[in-house]
Protein backbone atom coordinates (compact mmCIF):
# COMPACT_ATOMS: atom_id res chain seq x y z
CA MET A 1 2.76 -9.26 14.69
CA ASN A 2 1.13 -12.27 13.05
CA LYS A 3 3.76 -14.18 11.04
CA ASP A 4 1.13 -15.37 8.54
CA ILE A 5 0.36 -11.81 7.49
CA LYS A 6 2.64 -10.15 4.96
CA TYR A 7 2.75 -6.40 5.56
CA PHE A 8 3.38 -3.81 2.85
CA GLY A 9 4.47 -0.34 3.96
CA ILE A 10 3.57 2.28 1.37
CA ASP A 11 4.96 5.80 0.92
CA ILE A 12 3.01 7.80 -1.65
CA SER A 13 3.97 10.87 -3.62
CA HIS A 14 2.45 12.67 -6.58
CA LEU A 15 3.98 10.50 -9.33
CA VAL A 16 5.00 7.22 -7.67
CA PHE A 17 4.50 5.11 -4.58
CA ASP A 18 7.27 3.16 -2.89
CA VAL A 19 6.56 -0.15 -1.19
CA THR A 20 8.60 -2.24 1.23
CA ASP A 21 7.24 -5.61 2.31
CA SER A 22 7.77 -7.36 5.63
CA ASP A 23 10.61 -9.37 4.03
CA GLY A 24 12.47 -6.14 3.22
CA LYS A 25 11.87 -6.23 -0.54
CA TYR A 26 11.50 -2.83 -2.20
CA TYR A 27 9.19 -1.95 -5.10
CA GLN A 28 8.19 1.25 -6.88
CA PHE A 29 5.03 1.82 -8.92
CA LYS A 30 3.42 4.70 -10.78
CA ASN A 31 0.72 6.48 -8.78
CA SER A 32 -1.90 5.58 -11.38
CA ILE A 33 -4.38 2.81 -12.15
CA SER A 34 -1.73 0.90 -14.11
CA GLY A 35 0.62 1.03 -11.10
CA PHE A 36 -2.20 -0.01 -8.75
CA LYS A 37 -2.92 -3.07 -10.91
CA LYS A 38 0.74 -4.12 -10.91
CA PHE A 39 0.94 -3.72 -7.13
CA VAL A 40 -2.21 -5.76 -6.46
CA LYS A 41 -0.63 -8.70 -8.31
CA LEU A 42 1.90 -8.94 -5.43
CA LEU A 43 -0.84 -9.27 -2.83
CA ASP A 44 -2.66 -12.34 -1.57
CA ASP A 45 -5.35 -12.97 1.03
CA ASN A 46 -2.82 -12.65 3.88
CA SER A 47 -1.52 -9.24 2.77
CA HIS A 48 -2.06 -6.06 4.75
CA CYS A 49 -1.17 -2.66 3.28
CA VAL A 50 -0.25 0.24 5.57
CA MET A 51 0.15 3.83 4.45
CA GLU A 52 0.28 7.31 5.91
CA ALA A 53 -2.51 9.77 5.27
CA THR A 54 -0.59 12.08 2.90
CA GLY A 55 -2.90 14.89 2.00
CA TYR A 56 -4.86 13.51 -0.91
CA TYR A 57 -2.20 11.34 -2.61
CA HIS A 58 -3.19 8.20 -0.71
CA TYR A 59 -6.93 8.31 -1.46
CA GLN A 60 -6.99 6.67 -4.90
CA LEU A 61 -4.71 3.79 -3.93
CA ALA A 62 -6.51 3.18 -0.63
CA TYR A 63 -9.91 3.05 -2.35
CA TYR A 64 -8.55 0.86 -5.15
CA LEU A 65 -7.16 -1.63 -2.64
CA LEU A 66 -10.40 -1.67 -0.64
CA GLU A 67 -12.46 -2.21 -3.79
CA SER A 68 -10.09 -5.08 -4.68
CA GLY A 69 -10.84 -6.73 -1.34
CA LYS A 70 -7.42 -6.04 0.21
CA LYS A 71 -6.75 -5.11 3.83
CA VAL A 72 -5.68 -1.47 4.19
CA SER A 73 -4.74 0.74 7.13
CA VAL A 74 -4.36 4.49 6.62
CA GLU A 75 -2.50 5.94 9.58
CA ASN A 76 -2.05 9.45 10.88
CA PRO A 77 1.65 10.33 10.28
CA LEU A 78 1.82 12.00 13.69
CA PHE A 79 1.24 8.61 15.33
CA VAL A 80 3.36 6.39 13.08
């Protein structure tokens, strides 16, 4: 693991998404555009977001992050 990269693990549900960063800090945001905007403010150029493919709940956030120029990995939960 590259120490310069700050990882953000994301668990998404219908109403909220929970985030834990590589320093162990916990955050919770609404699963909506307003929550996405608040989350992106935490990120910088060395951030990498990782989330499970959770049906369709992860799609909007993953696309929002990609469109914002952030690094995103969507992983199969069977392999995580």
